[in-house]
N, C-alpha and C. Protein backbone atom coordinates (compact mmCIF):
# COMPACT_ATOMS: atom_id res chain seq x y z
N UNK A 1 -1.35 12.31 -5.62
CA UNK A 1 0.36 11.89 -6.30
C UNK A 1 -0.30 10.66 -4.95
N UNK A 2 0.60 9.37 -4.88
CA UNK A 2 0.58 8.23 -3.85
C UNK A 2 1.41 8.19 -2.90
N UNK A 3 1.10 8.50 -1.45
CA UNK A 3 2.05 8.33 -0.66
C UNK A 3 3.53 7.35 -0.64
N UNK A 4 3.20 6.14 -1.27
CA UNK A 4 4.40 5.38 -0.82
C UNK A 4 5.44 5.73 -1.96
N UNK A 5 4.95 7.29 -2.76
CA UNK A 5 5.95 6.74 -3.93
C UNK A 5 7.14 8.37 -3.48
N UNK A 6 8.20 8.20 -4.27
CA UNK A 6 9.12 9.35 -3.86
C UNK A 6 9.22 9.93 -5.25
N UNK A 7 9.89 11.86 -4.90
CA UNK A 7 9.84 12.48 -6.04
C UNK A 7 11.36 12.84 -6.52
N UNK A 8 11.91 12.14 -7.65
CA UNK A 8 13.07 11.94 -7.97
C UNK A 8 12.87 13.50 -8.60
N UNK A 9 14.06 14.38 -8.26
CA UNK A 9 14.21 15.27 -9.38
C UNK A 9 15.88 15.35 -10.24
N UNK A 10 16.11 15.27 -11.34
CA UNK A 10 17.41 15.00 -11.86
C UNK A 10 17.99 16.42 -12.81
N UNK A 11 19.36 16.81 -11.94
CA UNK A 11 19.80 18.16 -12.78
C UNK A 11 20.70 16.77 -13.45
N UNK A 12 21.06 17.42 -15.03
CA UNK A 12 22.18 16.95 -15.95
C UNK A 12 22.55 18.76 -16.82
N UNK A 13 23.80 18.48 -16.61
CA UNK A 13 24.51 18.76 -17.59
C UNK A 13 24.50 18.23 -18.60
N UNK A 14 24.69 19.65 -19.63
CA UNK A 14 24.66 19.12 -21.12
C UNK A 14 25.93 19.49 -21.41
N UNK A 15 26.33 17.89 -23.07
CA UNK A 15 27.26 17.87 -22.99
C UNK A 15 28.17 19.19 -23.56
N UNK A 16 29.43 18.85 -22.98
CA UNK A 16 30.38 20.50 -22.98
C UNK A 16 30.02 20.99 -21.68
N UNK A 17 29.36 20.95 -21.39
CA UNK A 17 29.32 21.94 -19.57
C UNK A 17 29.33 21.45 -18.78
N UNK A 18 30.04 21.80 -17.68
CA UNK A 18 30.57 21.34 -16.36
C UNK A 18 30.08 22.31 -15.17
N UNK A 19 28.83 21.99 -14.38
CA UNK A 19 28.43 21.96 -13.46
C UNK A 19 29.45 22.13 -12.16
N UNK A 20 29.12 23.63 -11.66
CA UNK A 20 29.80 24.21 -10.38
C UNK A 20 29.37 22.86 -9.16
N UNK A 21 30.10 22.05 -9.30
CA UNK A 21 29.58 20.88 -8.28
C UNK A 21 29.48 21.57 -7.06
N UNK A 22 30.57 22.02 -6.33
CA UNK A 22 30.75 22.68 -4.95
C UNK A 22 29.36 23.38 -4.39
N UNK A 23 28.67 24.50 -5.82
CA UNK A 23 27.73 25.09 -5.61
C UNK A 23 26.49 24.61 -5.87
N UNK A 24 26.09 23.98 -6.51
CA UNK A 24 25.06 23.17 -6.67
C UNK A 24 25.28 22.52 -5.51
N UNK A 25 25.31 21.79 -5.10
CA UNK A 25 25.61 21.03 -3.58
C UNK A 25 24.77 22.47 -2.50
N UNK A 26 25.31 23.02 -2.54
CA UNK A 26 25.47 24.60 -1.43
C UNK A 26 23.52 25.17 -1.60
N UNK A 27 23.46 24.99 -2.99
CA UNK A 27 21.90 25.20 -3.68
C UNK A 27 20.80 24.10 -2.94
N UNK A 28 21.37 23.02 -3.68
CA UNK A 28 20.15 22.34 -3.43
C UNK A 28 20.23 22.31 -2.09
N UNK A 29 20.76 21.91 -0.77
CA UNK A 29 20.33 21.75 -0.14
C UNK A 29 19.26 22.80 0.80
N UNK A 30 19.54 24.32 0.19
CA UNK A 30 18.70 24.85 0.80
C UNK A 30 17.30 24.56 0.90
N UNK A 31 16.87 23.18 0.13
CA UNK A 31 15.84 23.14 -0.54
C UNK A 31 15.28 21.51 0.60
N UNK A 32 15.83 21.57 0.68
CA UNK A 32 15.49 20.34 2.29
C UNK A 32 15.50 19.34 1.75
N UNK A 33 16.31 18.82 0.72
CA UNK A 33 15.64 17.17 0.50
C UNK A 33 15.96 15.87 1.42
N UNK A 34 15.62 15.28 1.04
CA UNK A 34 15.49 13.75 1.62
C UNK A 34 16.95 12.79 1.57
N UNK A 35 17.51 12.83 0.33
CA UNK A 35 18.58 12.68 -0.01
C UNK A 35 19.17 13.03 -1.20
N UNK A 36 20.43 13.02 -1.79
CA UNK A 36 20.89 13.45 -3.08
C UNK A 36 22.33 12.40 -3.55
N UNK A 37 22.20 12.09 -4.71
CA UNK A 37 23.25 10.78 -5.15
C UNK A 37 23.69 11.84 -6.63
N UNK A 38 24.91 11.43 -6.97
CA UNK A 38 25.65 11.79 -8.07
C UNK A 38 24.93 10.79 -9.12
N UNK A 39 24.41 11.08 -10.56
CA UNK A 39 23.66 10.27 -11.13
C UNK A 39 24.96 9.41 -11.88
N UNK A 40 24.10 8.21 -12.12
CA UNK A 40 25.37 7.37 -12.93
C UNK A 40 26.43 7.70 -13.55
N UNK A 41 26.09 8.57 -14.46
CA UNK A 41 26.85 9.15 -15.86
C UNK A 41 28.34 10.07 -15.08
N UNK A 42 27.98 10.40 -13.76
CA UNK A 42 28.41 11.68 -13.42
C UNK A 42 28.47 12.72 -14.01
N UNK A 43 27.36 12.84 -14.65
CA UNK A 43 27.19 13.78 -15.66
C UNK A 43 26.16 15.06 -14.46
N UNK A 44 25.60 14.66 -13.06
CA UNK A 44 24.64 15.85 -12.53
C UNK A 44 24.11 14.78 -11.54
N UNK A 45 23.52 15.39 -10.94
CA UNK A 45 22.32 14.74 -9.57
C UNK A 45 21.21 14.40 -9.44
N UNK A 46 20.84 13.54 -8.71
CA UNK A 46 19.09 13.42 -8.54
C UNK A 46 18.71 13.97 -7.06
N UNK A 47 17.90 14.25 -6.69
CA UNK A 47 17.49 14.80 -5.78
C UNK A 47 16.39 13.91 -5.26
N UNK A 48 16.05 13.50 -4.25
CA UNK A 48 15.16 13.22 -3.44
C UNK A 48 13.74 13.66 -2.52
N UNK A 49 12.76 13.71 -3.32
CA UNK A 49 11.95 14.63 -1.96
C UNK A 49 10.33 14.27 -1.64
N UNK A 50 10.02 13.90 -0.54
CA UNK A 50 8.94 13.31 -0.23
C UNK A 50 7.95 13.90 -1.02
N UNK A 51 7.19 13.01 -1.21
CA UNK A 51 5.60 13.47 -1.56
C UNK A 51 4.63 14.89 -1.25
N UNK A 52 4.71 14.78 0.05
CA UNK A 52 4.00 15.28 1.11
C UNK A 52 4.70 17.13 1.21
N UNK A 53 5.65 17.29 1.08
CA UNK A 53 6.40 18.38 0.85
C UNK A 53 7.02 19.14 -0.73
N UNK A 54 6.63 17.98 -1.32
CA UNK A 54 6.99 18.37 -3.03
C UNK A 54 6.10 19.37 -3.40
N UNK A 55 6.89 20.46 -4.14
CA UNK A 55 5.66 21.31 -5.16
C UNK A 55 6.13 21.44 -6.28
N UNK A 56 4.73 21.31 -6.93
CA UNK A 56 5.24 21.21 -8.83
C UNK A 56 5.89 22.27 -9.08
N UNK A 57 5.78 23.48 -8.60
CA UNK A 57 6.77 24.21 -9.17
C UNK A 57 8.46 24.46 -8.28
N UNK A 58 8.99 23.78 -7.55
CA UNK A 58 10.23 23.34 -6.96
C UNK A 58 11.37 23.82 -8.26
N UNK A 59 10.86 22.63 -9.08
CA UNK A 59 12.29 22.88 -10.14
C UNK A 59 12.43 23.70 -10.56
N UNK A 60 11.64 24.75 -10.85
CA UNK A 60 11.47 26.05 -11.59
C UNK A 60 12.51 27.47 -10.45
N UNK A 61 12.57 26.72 -9.32
CA UNK A 61 12.85 27.52 -7.92
C UNK A 61 13.84 27.12 -7.87
N UNK A 62 14.16 26.12 -7.76
CA UNK A 62 15.94 25.25 -7.95
C UNK A 62 16.73 25.91 -9.64
N UNK A 63 16.39 26.46 -10.13
CA UNK A 63 16.72 26.72 -11.77
C UNK A 63 17.02 28.44 -11.20
N UNK A 64 15.99 28.59 -10.91
CA UNK A 64 15.97 30.61 -10.51
C UNK A 64 16.57 30.52 -9.60
N UNK A 65 16.87 29.98 -8.89
CA UNK A 65 18.69 29.95 -7.22
C UNK A 65 19.60 29.98 -7.88
N UNK A 66 19.77 28.82 -8.93
CA UNK A 66 20.73 28.58 -9.86
C UNK A 66 21.14 29.58 -10.37
N UNK A 67 20.27 30.09 -10.98
CA UNK A 67 20.85 31.33 -12.21
C UNK A 67 21.48 32.49 -10.85
N UNK A 68 20.54 32.71 -10.35
CA UNK A 68 21.40 33.76 -9.41
C UNK A 68 22.38 33.97 -8.84
N UNK A 69 23.13 32.19 -8.71
CA UNK A 69 24.37 32.44 -8.00
C UNK A 69 25.58 32.57 -9.58
N UNK A 70 25.16 32.47 -11.08
CA UNK A 70 25.87 32.64 -11.95
C UNK A 70 26.09 31.45 -12.55
N UNK A 71 25.70 30.17 -12.09
CA UNK A 71 25.01 28.98 -12.87
C UNK A 71 24.51 28.88 -14.02
N UNK A 72 24.98 29.07 -15.45
CA UNK A 72 24.34 28.99 -16.51
C UNK A 72 23.51 28.21 -16.75
N UNK A 73 22.09 28.09 -15.96
CA UNK A 73 20.91 27.26 -16.30
C UNK A 73 20.33 26.52 -17.77
N UNK A 74 20.81 27.18 -18.47
CA UNK A 74 20.86 26.97 -19.92
C UNK A 74 21.11 26.37 -20.48
N UNK A 75 22.04 25.57 -19.94
CA UNK A 75 23.17 24.57 -19.91
C UNK A 75 22.68 23.15 -19.42
N UNK A 76 21.87 23.21 -18.28
CA UNK A 76 21.66 22.25 -17.36
C UNK A 76 19.81 21.43 -18.05
N UNK A 77 19.53 20.32 -17.90
CA UNK A 77 18.34 19.67 -18.02
C UNK A 77 17.64 19.54 -16.72
N UNK A 78 16.13 19.53 -16.45
CA UNK A 78 15.98 18.97 -15.38
C UNK A 78 14.15 17.75 -15.50
N UNK A 79 14.79 17.46 -14.66
CA UNK A 79 12.87 16.16 -14.99
C UNK A 79 13.18 15.96 -13.91
N UNK A 80 11.58 15.34 -13.68
CA UNK A 80 10.83 14.97 -12.16
C UNK A 80 10.40 13.35 -13.04
N UNK A 81 10.35 12.54 -11.77
CA UNK A 81 9.87 11.32 -11.50
C UNK A 81 9.21 11.10 -10.54
N UNK A 82 8.57 10.13 -10.39
CA UNK A 82 8.48 8.97 -9.28
C UNK A 82 9.41 8.52 -9.01
N UNK A 83 9.37 7.79 -7.76
CA UNK A 83 10.13 6.48 -7.85
C UNK A 83 9.41 5.63 -6.55
N UNK A 84 9.00 4.37 -6.75
CA UNK A 84 8.19 3.64 -5.86
C UNK A 84 8.67 3.34 -5.06
N UNK A 85 8.36 3.58 -3.70
CA UNK A 85 8.74 3.28 -2.46
C UNK A 85 8.98 1.61 -2.51
N UNK A 86 10.66 1.65 -2.11
CA UNK A 86 10.60 -0.11 -1.62
C UNK A 86 11.21 -0.65 -0.57
N UNK A 87 12.09 -1.98 -0.11
CA UNK A 87 12.29 -1.75 0.96
C UNK A 87 13.93 -1.39 0.99
N UNK A 88 14.16 0.12 1.27
CA UNK A 88 15.20 0.01 1.30
C UNK A 88 16.36 -0.56 2.08
N UNK A 89 16.06 -0.73 3.29
CA UNK A 89 16.47 -1.72 4.01
C UNK A 89 17.47 -2.48 3.58
N UNK A 90 16.60 -3.48 2.87
CA UNK A 90 17.05 -4.72 1.79
C UNK A 90 18.10 -4.29 0.64
N UNK A 91 17.24 -3.40 -0.13
CA UNK A 91 18.29 -2.86 -1.54
C UNK A 91 19.00 -3.25 -1.16
N UNK A 92 19.68 -2.18 -0.25
CA UNK A 92 20.94 -1.20 -0.52
C UNK A 92 22.28 -1.96 -0.25
N UNK A 93 21.39 -3.08 0.47
CA UNK A 93 22.77 -4.33 0.52
C UNK A 93 23.38 -4.67 -0.90
N UNK A 94 22.18 -4.58 -2.03
CA UNK A 94 22.98 -5.52 -3.36
C UNK A 94 24.49 -4.40 -3.63
N UNK A 95 24.50 -3.33 -3.36
CA UNK A 95 25.58 -2.35 -3.89
C UNK A 95 26.91 -2.67 -2.92
N UNK A 96 26.64 -3.40 -1.89
CA UNK A 96 27.84 -3.86 -0.78
C UNK A 96 28.67 -5.53 -1.18
N UNK A 97 29.29 -5.17 -2.05
CA UNK A 97 29.36 -7.18 -2.37
C UNK A 97 31.37 -7.38 -2.21
N UNK A 98 31.39 -8.16 -1.93
CA UNK A 98 33.17 -8.43 -1.68
C UNK A 98 34.16 -7.55 -3.00
N UNK A 99 35.25 -7.55 -2.50
CA UNK A 99 35.89 -6.10 -3.63
C UNK A 99 37.17 -6.60 -2.90
N UNK A 100 37.66 -7.46 -3.72
CA UNK A 100 39.35 -7.12 -3.53
C UNK A 100 40.14 -5.91 -3.83
N UNK A 101 41.33 -5.49 -2.73
CA UNK A 101 41.63 -4.77 -2.77
C UNK A 101 42.92 -4.62 -2.70
N UNK A 102 43.96 -4.61 -4.04
CA UNK A 102 45.27 -4.97 -4.17
C UNK A 102 45.58 -6.28 -4.11
N UNK A 103 46.59 -6.91 -4.02
CA UNK A 103 47.03 -8.38 -4.06
C UNK A 103 46.64 -9.10 -2.78
N UNK A 104 46.15 -8.14 -1.41
CA UNK A 104 46.31 -9.10 -0.16
C UNK A 104 44.91 -8.72 0.49
N UNK A 105 44.24 -7.62 -0.16
CA UNK A 105 43.33 -8.16 0.98
C UNK A 105 41.51 -7.64 0.16
N UNK A 106 40.62 -8.47 1.16
CA UNK A 106 39.09 -8.77 0.49
C UNK A 106 38.39 -8.11 1.09
N UNK A 107 37.71 -6.92 0.94
CA UNK A 107 36.49 -6.42 1.64
C UNK A 107 35.54 -6.54 1.74
N UNK A 108 34.34 -6.94 2.46
CA UNK A 108 32.86 -7.34 2.05
C UNK A 108 32.46 -7.16 3.32
N UNK A 109 31.06 -7.20 3.26
CA UNK A 109 29.88 -7.23 4.61
C UNK A 109 29.61 -7.84 4.84
N UNK A 110 29.16 -8.34 6.12
CA UNK A 110 29.23 -9.74 6.92
C UNK A 110 28.03 -10.72 6.46
N UNK A 111 26.89 -9.99 5.72
CA UNK A 111 26.69 -10.88 4.62
C UNK A 111 26.76 -12.10 3.66
N UNK A 112 28.01 -11.30 3.48
CA UNK A 112 28.54 -12.08 2.33
C UNK A 112 29.58 -13.06 2.39
N UNK A 113 29.99 -12.97 4.13
CA UNK A 113 31.23 -13.65 4.74
C UNK A 113 31.56 -15.43 4.06
N UNK A 114 30.53 -15.53 3.82
CA UNK A 114 29.92 -17.38 3.11
C UNK A 114 31.21 -17.45 2.01
N UNK A 115 31.36 -15.60 1.26
CA UNK A 115 32.07 -15.84 -0.16
C UNK A 115 33.98 -15.39 -0.19
N UNK A 116 34.24 -15.53 1.35
CA UNK A 116 35.52 -15.10 1.68
C UNK A 116 36.78 -15.80 0.80
N UNK A 117 38.06 -15.22 -0.04
CA UNK A 117 38.72 -15.97 -0.54
C UNK A 117 39.90 -16.10 0.40
N UNK A 118 39.74 -17.34 0.89
CA UNK A 118 41.48 -17.46 1.75
C UNK A 118 42.79 -17.28 1.36
N UNK A 119 42.75 -16.68 0.09
CA UNK A 119 44.10 -16.25 -0.29
C UNK A 119 44.53 -15.04 -0.20
N UNK A 120 43.14 -14.58 0.13
CA UNK A 120 43.39 -13.05 0.84
C UNK A 120 43.06 -12.74 2.55
N UNK A 121 43.56 -11.39 2.31
CA UNK A 121 43.30 -11.16 4.09
C UNK A 121 41.66 -10.67 4.13
N UNK A 122 40.61 -11.48 4.75
CA UNK A 122 39.61 -11.03 5.17
C UNK A 122 39.19 -9.79 5.53
N UNK A 123 38.32 -8.81 5.61
CA UNK A 123 38.29 -7.44 6.45
C UNK A 123 36.76 -7.19 5.73
N UNK A 124 35.64 -7.60 7.62
CA UNK A 124 34.52 -7.68 7.17
C UNK A 124 34.58 -6.23 8.13
N UNK A 125 33.56 -5.76 7.22
CA UNK A 125 32.94 -4.40 6.79
C UNK A 125 31.41 -4.35 7.58
N UNK A 126 30.90 -3.37 8.37
CA UNK A 126 29.32 -3.16 8.66
C UNK A 126 29.43 -1.79 7.53
N UNK A 127 28.57 -1.59 6.61
CA UNK A 127 28.08 -0.09 6.51
C UNK A 127 27.53 0.00 6.78
N UNK A 128 27.80 1.22 7.14
CA UNK A 128 27.10 2.17 8.41
C UNK A 128 27.24 3.88 8.06
N UNK A 129 27.35 4.27 9.01
CA UNK A 129 27.66 5.86 8.71
C UNK A 129 28.96 5.88 8.59
N UNK A 130 29.66 5.54 8.89
CA UNK A 130 31.54 5.70 9.10
C UNK A 130 31.92 5.70 7.79
N UNK A 131 32.49 6.47 7.58
CA UNK A 131 33.06 6.51 6.47
C UNK A 131 34.37 5.49 6.11
N UNK A 132 35.09 4.29 5.18
CA UNK A 132 35.29 3.58 5.02
C UNK A 132 35.38 2.54 4.95
N UNK A 133 33.92 2.20 4.04
CA UNK A 133 33.01 0.80 3.47
C UNK A 133 34.56 0.30 2.53
N UNK A 134 35.41 0.95 1.97
CA UNK A 134 35.75 -0.11 1.51
C UNK A 134 35.79 0.59 -0.03
N UNK A 135 34.75 1.15 -0.49
CA UNK A 135 34.36 1.42 -1.74
C UNK A 135 35.15 3.05 -2.19
N UNK A 136 35.86 3.58 -1.16
CA UNK A 136 36.07 4.96 -1.65
C UNK A 136 37.47 4.48 -2.00
N UNK A 137 38.07 5.73 -3.05
CA UNK A 137 39.63 5.60 -3.47
C UNK A 137 40.22 5.97 -2.60
N UNK A 138 40.99 6.82 -2.04
CA UNK A 138 40.99 7.01 -0.45
C UNK A 138 41.26 6.13 0.16
N UNK A 139 40.52 5.60 0.59
CA UNK A 139 40.14 3.66 1.68
C UNK A 139 41.34 2.73 0.91
N UNK A 140 40.77 2.66 -0.56
CA UNK A 140 42.19 1.41 -0.74
C UNK A 140 42.76 2.06 -1.86
N UNK A 141 43.54 3.00 -1.89
CA UNK A 141 44.59 3.69 -1.66
C UNK A 141 45.58 3.58 -1.05
N UNK A 142 45.16 3.50 0.54
CA UNK A 142 45.84 3.55 1.74
C UNK A 142 45.82 1.83 1.65
N UNK A 143 44.96 1.04 1.88
CA UNK A 143 45.21 -0.07 1.45
C UNK A 143 46.56 -0.63 1.09
N UNK A 144 46.32 -0.37 -0.55
CA UNK A 144 47.47 -0.41 -1.38
C UNK A 144 48.68 0.34 -0.54
N UNK A 145 48.86 1.04 -0.12
CA UNK A 145 50.74 2.07 0.23
C UNK A 145 50.95 0.58 1.42
N UNK A 146 49.38 0.21 2.35
CA UNK A 146 49.76 -0.64 3.73
C UNK A 146 50.55 -2.00 3.09
N UNK A 147 50.07 -2.38 1.81
CA UNK A 147 50.52 -3.97 1.53
C UNK A 147 52.42 -3.69 1.03
N UNK A 148 53.15 -2.47 1.23
CA UNK A 148 54.08 -2.27 0.65
C UNK A 148 54.95 -2.50 2.18
N UNK A 149 54.23 -2.29 2.70
CA UNK A 149 54.82 -2.17 4.62
C UNK A 149 54.21 -3.66 5.10
N UNK A 150 55.99 -3.40 6.34
CA UNK A 150 55.81 -4.73 7.26
C UNK A 150 55.42 -3.97 8.29
N UNK A 151 54.31 -4.56 8.24
CA UNK A 151 53.20 -4.48 9.80
C UNK A 151 53.45 -5.36 11.18
N UNK A 152 54.30 -6.09 10.84
CA UNK A 152 54.35 -7.26 12.12
C UNK A 152 54.68 -7.05 13.08
N UNK A 153 54.26 -6.79 14.24
CA UNK A 153 54.71 -5.96 15.60
C UNK A 153 54.53 -4.96 15.46
N UNK A 154 54.06 -3.87 14.92
CA UNK A 154 54.31 -2.47 14.90
C UNK A 154 53.11 -1.75 15.81
N UNK A 155 53.13 -0.80 16.34
CA UNK A 155 52.16 -0.23 17.02
C UNK A 155 50.97 0.73 16.08
N UNK A 156 50.42 1.10 15.95
CA UNK A 156 49.38 1.66 14.89
C UNK A 156 48.15 2.65 15.79
N UNK A 157 48.64 4.19 15.10
CA UNK A 157 47.99 4.64 15.41
C UNK A 157 46.91 5.26 14.42
N UNK A 158 45.64 5.56 14.10
CA UNK A 158 44.54 5.33 13.56
C UNK A 158 43.96 6.66 13.37
N UNK A 159 44.39 7.12 13.49
CA UNK A 159 43.62 8.88 13.59
C UNK A 159 42.56 9.11 12.54
N UNK A 160 41.29 9.13 12.83
CA UNK A 160 40.06 9.80 11.92
C UNK A 160 40.04 7.97 11.63
N UNK A 161 39.73 7.35 12.79
CA UNK A 161 39.37 5.98 12.23
C UNK A 161 38.14 5.32 11.42
N UNK A 162 37.28 6.21 11.24
CA UNK A 162 35.93 6.20 10.79
C UNK A 162 34.89 4.59 11.16
N UNK A 163 35.60 3.84 10.03
CA UNK A 163 34.50 2.33 10.22
C UNK A 163 35.64 1.14 10.89
N UNK A 164 37.34 2.17 10.97
CA UNK A 164 37.95 0.85 12.22
C UNK A 164 38.72 0.13 10.41
N UNK A 165 38.63 0.34 9.24
CA UNK A 165 39.39 -0.61 8.45
C UNK A 165 40.12 -0.40 7.93
N UNK A 166 41.04 0.52 8.34
CA UNK A 166 42.24 0.52 8.02
C UNK A 166 42.95 0.32 9.32
N UNK A 167 42.70 -0.03 10.73
CA UNK A 167 43.30 -0.15 11.61
C UNK A 167 42.91 -1.88 11.83
N UNK A 168 41.64 -2.28 11.59
CA UNK A 168 41.24 -3.88 11.25
C UNK A 168 42.54 -4.04 10.14
N UNK A 169 42.46 -3.84 8.97
CA UNK A 169 44.02 -4.52 7.93
C UNK A 169 44.83 -4.24 8.87
N UNK A 170 45.27 -3.01 9.43
CA UNK A 170 46.85 -3.95 9.83
C UNK A 170 47.29 -4.84 10.88
N UNK A 171 46.08 -4.72 11.70
CA UNK A 171 46.07 -5.83 12.81
C UNK A 171 46.24 -7.37 11.77
N UNK A 172 45.26 -7.38 11.00
CA UNK A 172 44.83 -8.39 10.47
C UNK A 172 46.70 -8.58 9.54
N UNK A 173 47.12 -7.72 9.14
CA UNK A 173 48.34 -7.88 8.49
C UNK A 173 49.71 -8.56 9.70
N UNK A 174 49.48 -8.26 10.89
CA UNK A 174 50.39 -8.52 11.60
C UNK A 174 50.50 -8.01 12.94
N UNK A 175 50.07 -6.29 13.14
CA UNK A 175 50.11 -5.62 13.35
C UNK A 175 49.75 -6.03 15.12
N UNK A 176 50.67 -5.27 15.73
CA UNK A 176 50.71 -5.50 17.28
C UNK A 176 49.55 -5.24 18.29
N UNK A 177 49.31 -4.13 17.93
CA UNK A 177 48.18 -3.68 19.07
C UNK A 177 47.93 -2.03 17.88
N UNK A 178 46.85 -1.41 17.85
CA UNK A 178 46.15 -0.20 16.90
C UNK A 178 45.73 0.42 17.91
N UNK A 179 45.43 1.63 17.94
CA UNK A 179 44.53 2.83 18.25
C UNK A 179 43.99 3.35 17.89
N UNK A 180 42.37 3.22 17.06
CA UNK A 180 41.84 4.20 16.45
C UNK A 180 40.85 5.32 17.37
N UNK A 181 40.84 6.24 16.86
CA UNK A 181 40.41 7.97 16.93
C UNK A 181 39.96 8.12 16.26
N UNK A 182 38.83 8.87 17.09
CA UNK A 182 37.39 9.71 16.17
C UNK A 182 36.82 10.50 16.99
N UNK A 183 36.19 11.91 16.20
CA UNK A 183 35.80 12.39 17.14
C UNK A 183 34.37 12.36 17.37
N UNK A 184 33.80 11.49 16.87
CA UNK A 184 32.05 11.14 16.86
C UNK A 184 31.92 9.63 17.19
N UNK A 185 31.36 9.62 18.93
CA UNK A 185 31.40 8.70 19.32
C UNK A 185 30.54 7.44 18.76
N UNK A 186 29.35 8.17 18.53
CA UNK A 186 28.38 6.54 16.92
C UNK A 186 29.58 6.44 15.74
N UNK A 187 30.62 7.20 15.40
CA UNK A 187 31.66 6.61 14.77
C UNK A 187 32.28 5.20 15.00
N UNK A 188 32.68 5.44 16.18
CA UNK A 188 33.60 4.64 17.21
C UNK A 188 32.66 3.78 17.30
N UNK A 189 31.38 3.71 18.06
CA UNK A 189 30.51 2.27 18.04
C UNK A 189 30.89 1.76 16.77
N UNK A 190 30.00 1.96 15.71
CA UNK A 190 30.53 1.35 14.41
C UNK A 190 31.92 0.62 14.27
N UNK A 191 32.85 1.68 14.72
CA UNK A 191 34.50 0.92 14.61
C UNK A 191 34.65 -0.25 15.14
N UNK A 192 34.11 -0.37 16.49
CA UNK A 192 33.79 -1.69 17.50
C UNK A 192 33.51 -2.25 16.94
N UNK A 193 31.74 -2.29 16.63
CA UNK A 193 31.08 -3.15 15.61
C UNK A 193 31.90 -4.58 14.56
N UNK A 194 32.28 -3.51 14.09
CA UNK A 194 33.45 -3.93 12.94
C UNK A 194 34.50 -4.71 13.64
N UNK A 195 34.99 -3.60 14.48
CA UNK A 195 36.68 -4.74 15.68
C UNK A 195 35.49 -6.29 15.35
N UNK A 196 34.55 -6.62 16.53
CA UNK A 196 34.14 -7.58 16.85
C UNK A 196 33.61 -8.67 15.27
N UNK A 197 33.31 -8.32 14.16
CA UNK A 197 33.32 -8.85 13.49
C UNK A 197 34.63 -9.77 12.89
N UNK A 198 35.53 -9.46 13.35
CA UNK A 198 37.07 -9.57 12.16
C UNK A 198 37.61 -10.24 13.90
N UNK A 199 36.57 -10.54 14.77
CA UNK A 199 37.61 -11.42 15.93
C UNK A 199 38.93 -10.75 16.53
N UNK A 200 38.84 -9.46 16.43
CA UNK A 200 40.14 -9.02 17.29
C UNK A 200 39.43 -8.27 18.60
N UNK A 201 40.18 -8.83 19.54
CA UNK A 201 39.99 -8.46 20.62
C UNK A 201 40.25 -7.43 21.13
N UNK A 202 39.98 -6.11 22.16
CA UNK A 202 40.40 -5.25 22.48
C UNK A 202 41.36 -4.61 23.19
């Protein structure tokens, strides 16, 4: 096994069967993977392991534990593949592109600033650990709702600000002042970075 490769274990439910996703994630977490994502078809998950810690019997261990929790593993297929190591710091950027939301806003990462559409209000967001990159439905629904409100000269409280995207959107739409609060100091640092990208004074 070449050390530059990662091990990808894919679990997919067969047609007509729906995996208990909450239980599935709890079981997978016990095996301490490096990460996991939902498969592109939404019908399973891909779990990543380091080649240094991966064991050939791991898929069977996963299936056995799933079976013990009541999940019918006969309806689940599991495959193992090698994923060649790449420059992840650069490759992940391809998934963050300018995203129009509603009729008013355009969310985009800093490296796409040249693609700003001046017919919309641009919100520049540095994707980080904070919730609120603009791709999640809840963030977009909030922005849609904000479009229907005249925010000019209002004072805004953004509870659980995350990336700061909603507070930033409010200020750019004319709000007089916004206080964003969150329980994680690291998250607040990300919000401050995004505030600066959007040229909003402290």
